[in-house]
Amino acid sequence: MRYVDCWPSLFPSRYTAGGAPAKFSKQSAAVTELYSRHLAAGDPIMSDTWWVRFSEPLDGLPAGFPCEPKLNAPGGFGLAAAILDLPDRRRRLATLDVVQYHLMRMAASEGWATAPLEAAYRACVADDLVLHLVSKPKASPDRRLKAFVAYTIDGNGDGRTTLHVEDRSGAPVYEGEAWESPCESDAFAQIGRSLRWLGPRTVNVFTWPTVPPPKKDFQVEQTVELPS
């Protein structure tokens, strides 16, 4: 087993409807993608499945959890509603704690090794619960500049890709705005490979390489003309 999620929408949060449970599921991607990458990089967990998916209502909470499920929440989604009220950093930690609590319960039930789960949890905390990925740099046609993209998942559960350009000494020349990208961090490998120079000062990148939202004029690629 090497992947876990809470069934987030793959489209941007501005298109996400469905109230607290959908919003919680979407925001959880900021934590579960980071956790899954650490889980996949660690010692393997021998199991009959390679992934686990959680959805509310969840049965039970870890000791010392920072909030109680809201009573009378529609559909029994009181935990999601309560977690959403927390500030971003505490919300991420609360989500991590819930996921870890239920994974450890599953491990006890299924006979899984727990050391990889504990290592993934510690690695997430060491990363301050923020996923940060950087692509390999690509040189401009005249070799004077190099460009790369950085990727993260924000507190809303949205993937964000940023273009960075440096000169040959490594000094920053350009840092762009954060573009919408999928919340599946595996898509970042495609984003990084798509980056290309169209000229000495023109860079193009596909920031949404997977199936895009069915919305008119949704941008799946970006082209940047660097200032002179």
Protein backbone atom coordinates (compact mmCIF):
# COMPACT_ATOMS: atom_id res chain seq x y z
CA MET A 1 0.00 0.00 0.00
CA ARG A 2 1.49 3.31 -1.07
CA TYR A 3 -1.28 5.83 -1.65
CA VAL A 4 -4.10 7.37 0.39
CA ASP A 5 -6.69 10.06 -0.32
CA CYS A 6 -10.05 11.40 0.83
CA TRP A 7 -11.62 11.36 -2.63
CA PRO A 8 -10.95 15.00 -3.60
CA SER A 9 -12.38 16.63 -6.70
CA LEU A 10 -9.67 16.74 -9.36
CA PHE A 11 -10.90 20.10 -10.65
CA PRO A 12 -10.10 23.51 -9.09
CA SER A 13 -11.82 24.35 -5.81
CA ARG A 14 -13.67 27.26 -7.44
CA TYR A 15 -15.71 24.63 -9.28
CA THR A 16 -16.25 22.42 -6.22
CA ALA A 17 -19.81 22.22 -4.91
CA GLY A 18 -21.36 20.00 -2.26
CA GLY A 19 -20.80 21.81 1.03
CA ALA A 20 -18.50 20.80 3.89
CA PRO A 21 -17.75 17.18 2.86
CA ALA A 22 -16.70 18.14 -0.67
CA LYS A 23 -14.67 21.08 0.58
CA PHE A 24 -12.93 18.95 3.20
CA SER A 25 -12.17 16.23 0.65
CA LYS A 26 -10.71 18.81 -1.72
CA GLN A 27 -8.58 20.52 0.94
CA SER A 28 -7.31 17.17 2.22
CA ALA A 29 -5.30 16.73 -0.99
CA ALA A 30 -2.71 19.17 0.39
CA VAL A 31 -1.93 16.55 3.06
CA THR A 32 -2.69 13.20 1.45
CA GLU A 33 -0.55 13.86 -1.65
CA LEU A 34 2.42 14.76 0.56
CA TYR A 35 1.80 11.74 2.81
CA SER A 36 1.46 9.40 -0.17
CA ARG A 37 4.73 10.55 -1.71
CA HIS A 38 6.56 9.85 1.56
CA LEU A 39 4.75 6.53 1.88
CA ALA A 40 5.75 5.48 -1.64
CA ALA A 41 9.38 6.48 -1.01
CA GLY A 42 9.66 4.48 2.21
CA ASP A 43 9.73 0.81 3.08
CA PRO A 44 6.93 -1.09 1.34
CA ILE A 45 3.74 -2.11 3.13
CA MET A 46 2.74 -5.59 2.03
CA SER A 47 -1.03 -5.61 1.53
CA ASP A 48 -3.76 -6.68 -0.88
CA THR A 49 -4.27 -3.12 -2.09
CA TRP A 50 -1.99 -0.31 -3.25
CA TRP A 51 -4.29 2.53 -2.14
CA VAL A 52 -6.76 3.52 0.60
CA ARG A 53 -9.59 6.03 0.29
CA PHE A 54 -11.40 7.61 3.25
CA SER A 55 -14.72 9.44 3.31
CA GLU A 56 -16.93 10.78 6.08
CA PRO A 57 -18.60 9.89 8.34
CA LEU A 58 -15.46 8.44 9.98
CA ASP A 59 -15.76 6.28 13.05
CA GLY A 60 -13.56 7.55 15.86
CA LEU A 61 -10.97 10.29 16.44
CA PRO A 62 -7.42 10.29 17.83
CA ALA A 63 -6.91 11.35 21.43
CA GLY A 64 -6.40 15.07 21.93
CA PHE A 65 -7.98 15.98 18.59
CA PRO A 66 -8.30 19.81 18.35
CA CYS A 67 -12.01 19.95 17.55
CA GLU A 68 -15.22 18.01 18.03
CA PRO A 69 -17.56 17.12 15.17
CA LYS A 70 -20.31 19.69 14.81
CA LEU A 71 -23.65 18.44 16.05
CA ASN A 72 -26.54 18.23 13.58
CA ALA A 73 -24.28 18.86 10.56
CA PRO A 74 -26.11 17.94 7.32
CA GLY A 75 -25.54 14.33 6.31
CA GLY A 76 -23.53 13.58 9.46
CA PHE A 77 -20.49 15.44 8.14
CA GLY A 78 -19.74 17.15 11.43
CA LEU A 79 -16.03 16.32 11.39
CA ALA A 80 -15.49 17.95 7.99
CA ALA A 81 -17.39 21.05 9.08
CA ALA A 82 -15.33 21.34 12.28
CA ILE A 83 -11.96 20.88 10.58
CA LEU A 84 -12.82 23.52 7.97
CA ASP A 85 -13.10 26.11 10.74
CA LEU A 86 -9.42 25.68 11.67
CA PRO A 87 -6.61 27.91 10.31
CA ASP A 88 -4.70 26.41 7.39
CA ARG A 89 -1.72 24.96 9.30
CA ARG A 90 -3.90 23.44 12.05
CA ARG A 91 -6.38 22.17 9.46
CA ARG A 92 -3.59 20.33 7.65
CA LEU A 93 -2.34 18.81 10.89
CA ALA A 94 -5.88 17.79 11.90
CA THR A 95 -6.37 16.11 8.53
CA LEU A 96 -3.03 14.30 8.87
CA ASP A 97 -3.96 13.12 12.36
CA VAL A 98 -7.32 11.76 11.20
CA VAL A 99 -5.78 9.96 8.24
CA GLN A 100 -2.99 8.52 10.38
CA TYR A 101 -5.39 7.40 13.10
CA HIS A 102 -7.53 5.43 10.66
CA LEU A 103 -4.55 4.02 8.75
CA MET A 104 -3.09 2.72 12.01
CA ARG A 105 -6.45 1.11 12.84
CA MET A 106 -6.49 -0.52 9.41
CA ALA A 107 -2.89 -1.67 9.89
CA ALA A 108 -3.83 -3.39 13.17
CA SER A 109 -6.82 -5.03 11.53
CA GLU A 110 -5.01 -6.13 8.34
CA GLY A 111 -1.66 -7.00 9.89
CA TRP A 112 0.27 -4.29 8.05
CA ALA A 113 3.63 -3.01 9.20
CA THR A 114 3.17 0.32 10.97
CA ALA A 115 6.75 1.64 10.77
CA PRO A 116 6.26 3.01 7.20
CA LEU A 117 3.09 4.83 8.30
CA GLU A 118 4.89 6.36 11.26
CA ALA A 119 7.82 7.40 9.05
CA ALA A 120 5.47 9.03 6.52
CA TYR A 121 3.75 10.96 9.31
CA ARG A 122 7.05 12.25 10.69
CA ALA A 123 8.23 13.24 7.22
CA CYS A 124 5.06 15.26 6.63
CA VAL A 125 5.57 17.15 9.90
CA ALA A 126 9.24 17.74 9.01
CA ASP A 127 8.06 19.26 5.71
CA ASP A 128 5.72 21.55 7.70
CA LEU A 129 2.85 19.81 5.89
CA VAL A 130 3.72 21.56 2.61
CA LEU A 131 4.42 19.69 -0.62
CA HIS A 132 7.12 21.35 -2.73
CA LEU A 133 8.35 19.86 -6.00
CA VAL A 134 10.80 21.35 -8.51
CA SER A 135 11.42 20.24 -12.09
CA LYS A 136 14.76 19.84 -13.81
CA PRO A 137 15.88 23.13 -15.39
CA LYS A 138 15.89 23.57 -19.16
CA ALA A 139 18.29 25.96 -20.89
CA SER A 140 17.23 28.62 -23.36
CA PRO A 141 18.33 28.24 -27.01
CA ASP A 142 21.20 30.68 -26.47
CA ARG A 143 22.14 28.97 -23.15
CA ARG A 144 21.96 32.30 -21.29
CA LEU A 145 18.94 31.38 -19.16
CA LYS A 146 17.44 28.30 -17.56
CA ALA A 147 13.80 27.73 -16.65
CA PHE A 148 12.10 25.35 -14.24
CA VAL A 149 8.70 25.01 -12.63
CA ALA A 150 7.83 24.57 -8.95
CA TYR A 151 4.68 22.87 -7.72
CA THR A 152 2.71 22.81 -4.49
CA ILE A 153 -0.85 22.21 -3.28
CA ASP A 154 -2.38 25.14 -1.44
CA GLY A 155 -4.75 25.14 1.54
CA ASN A 156 -7.77 24.89 -0.76
CA GLY A 157 -6.46 21.65 -2.21
CA ASP A 158 -5.54 23.25 -5.53
CA GLY A 159 -2.34 22.37 -7.36
CA ARG A 160 -0.24 25.44 -8.13
CA THR A 161 2.60 25.67 -10.65
CA THR A 162 5.03 28.58 -10.80
CA LEU A 163 7.56 29.34 -13.53
CA HIS A 164 11.07 30.37 -12.45
CA VAL A 165 13.84 31.63 -14.71
CA GLU A 166 17.47 32.15 -13.69
CA ASP A 167 20.61 33.34 -15.45
CA ARG A 168 23.75 31.24 -15.79
CA SER A 169 24.95 32.31 -12.34
CA GLY A 170 21.71 31.16 -10.72
CA ALA A 171 20.42 34.68 -10.07
CA PRO A 172 16.62 34.95 -10.44
CA VAL A 173 15.40 36.66 -13.61
CA TYR A 174 11.68 35.90 -13.43
CA GLU A 175 9.13 34.34 -11.06
CA GLY A 176 5.60 34.15 -12.36
CA GLU A 177 2.17 33.91 -10.83
CA ALA A 178 0.88 30.59 -9.48
CA TRP A 179 -1.14 28.82 -12.18
CA GLU A 180 -3.88 26.26 -11.54
CA SER A 181 -2.76 22.65 -11.89
CA PRO A 182 -4.20 19.24 -10.94
CA CYS A 183 -4.09 18.28 -7.26
CA GLU A 184 -2.57 14.92 -8.25
CA SER A 185 1.11 15.46 -7.62
CA ASP A 186 2.03 12.72 -10.12
CA ALA A 187 0.86 15.13 -12.83
CA PHE A 188 3.82 17.36 -11.98
CA ALA A 189 6.19 15.07 -13.86
CA GLN A 190 4.17 15.77 -17.02
CA ILE A 191 4.16 19.49 -16.27
CA GLY A 192 7.93 19.54 -15.89
CA ARG A 193 8.48 17.59 -19.11
CA SER A 194 6.16 19.93 -21.03
CA LEU A 195 8.25 23.02 -20.27
CA ARG A 196 9.95 24.27 -23.43
CA TRP A 197 11.60 27.35 -24.85
CA LEU A 198 9.92 28.81 -27.95
CA GLY A 199 12.68 31.37 -28.34
CA PRO A 200 15.51 33.02 -26.40
CA ARG A 201 13.01 34.77 -24.09
CA THR A 202 9.77 32.83 -24.56
CA VAL A 203 8.76 29.89 -22.36
CA ASN A 204 5.75 27.58 -22.72
CA VAL A 205 4.41 25.03 -20.23
CA PHE A 206 1.31 22.84 -19.99
CA THR A 207 0.08 23.56 -16.47
CA TRP A 208 -2.95 21.23 -16.73
CA PRO A 209 -1.72 18.10 -18.57
CA THR A 210 -4.60 15.85 -17.47
CA VAL A 211 -8.31 16.04 -18.36
CA PRO A 212 -9.33 19.70 -17.84
CA PRO A 213 -12.54 20.97 -16.21
CA PRO A 214 -15.43 21.15 -18.69
CA LYS A 215 -15.35 24.94 -18.60
CA LYS A 216 -15.13 27.32 -21.53
CA ASP A 217 -11.79 29.09 -21.95
CA PHE A 218 -10.07 27.10 -19.16
CA GLN A 219 -6.34 27.48 -19.78
CA VAL A 220 -4.33 24.27 -19.95
CA GLU A 221 -1.07 25.87 -21.10
CA GLN A 222 0.78 29.11 -20.47
CA THR A 223 3.23 31.09 -22.59
CA VAL A 224 5.45 33.73 -21.00
CA GLU A 225 7.41 36.45 -22.78
CA LEU A 226 10.25 37.39 -20.48
CA PRO A 227 10.93 41.11 -20.00
CA SER A 228 13.99 42.45 -21.77
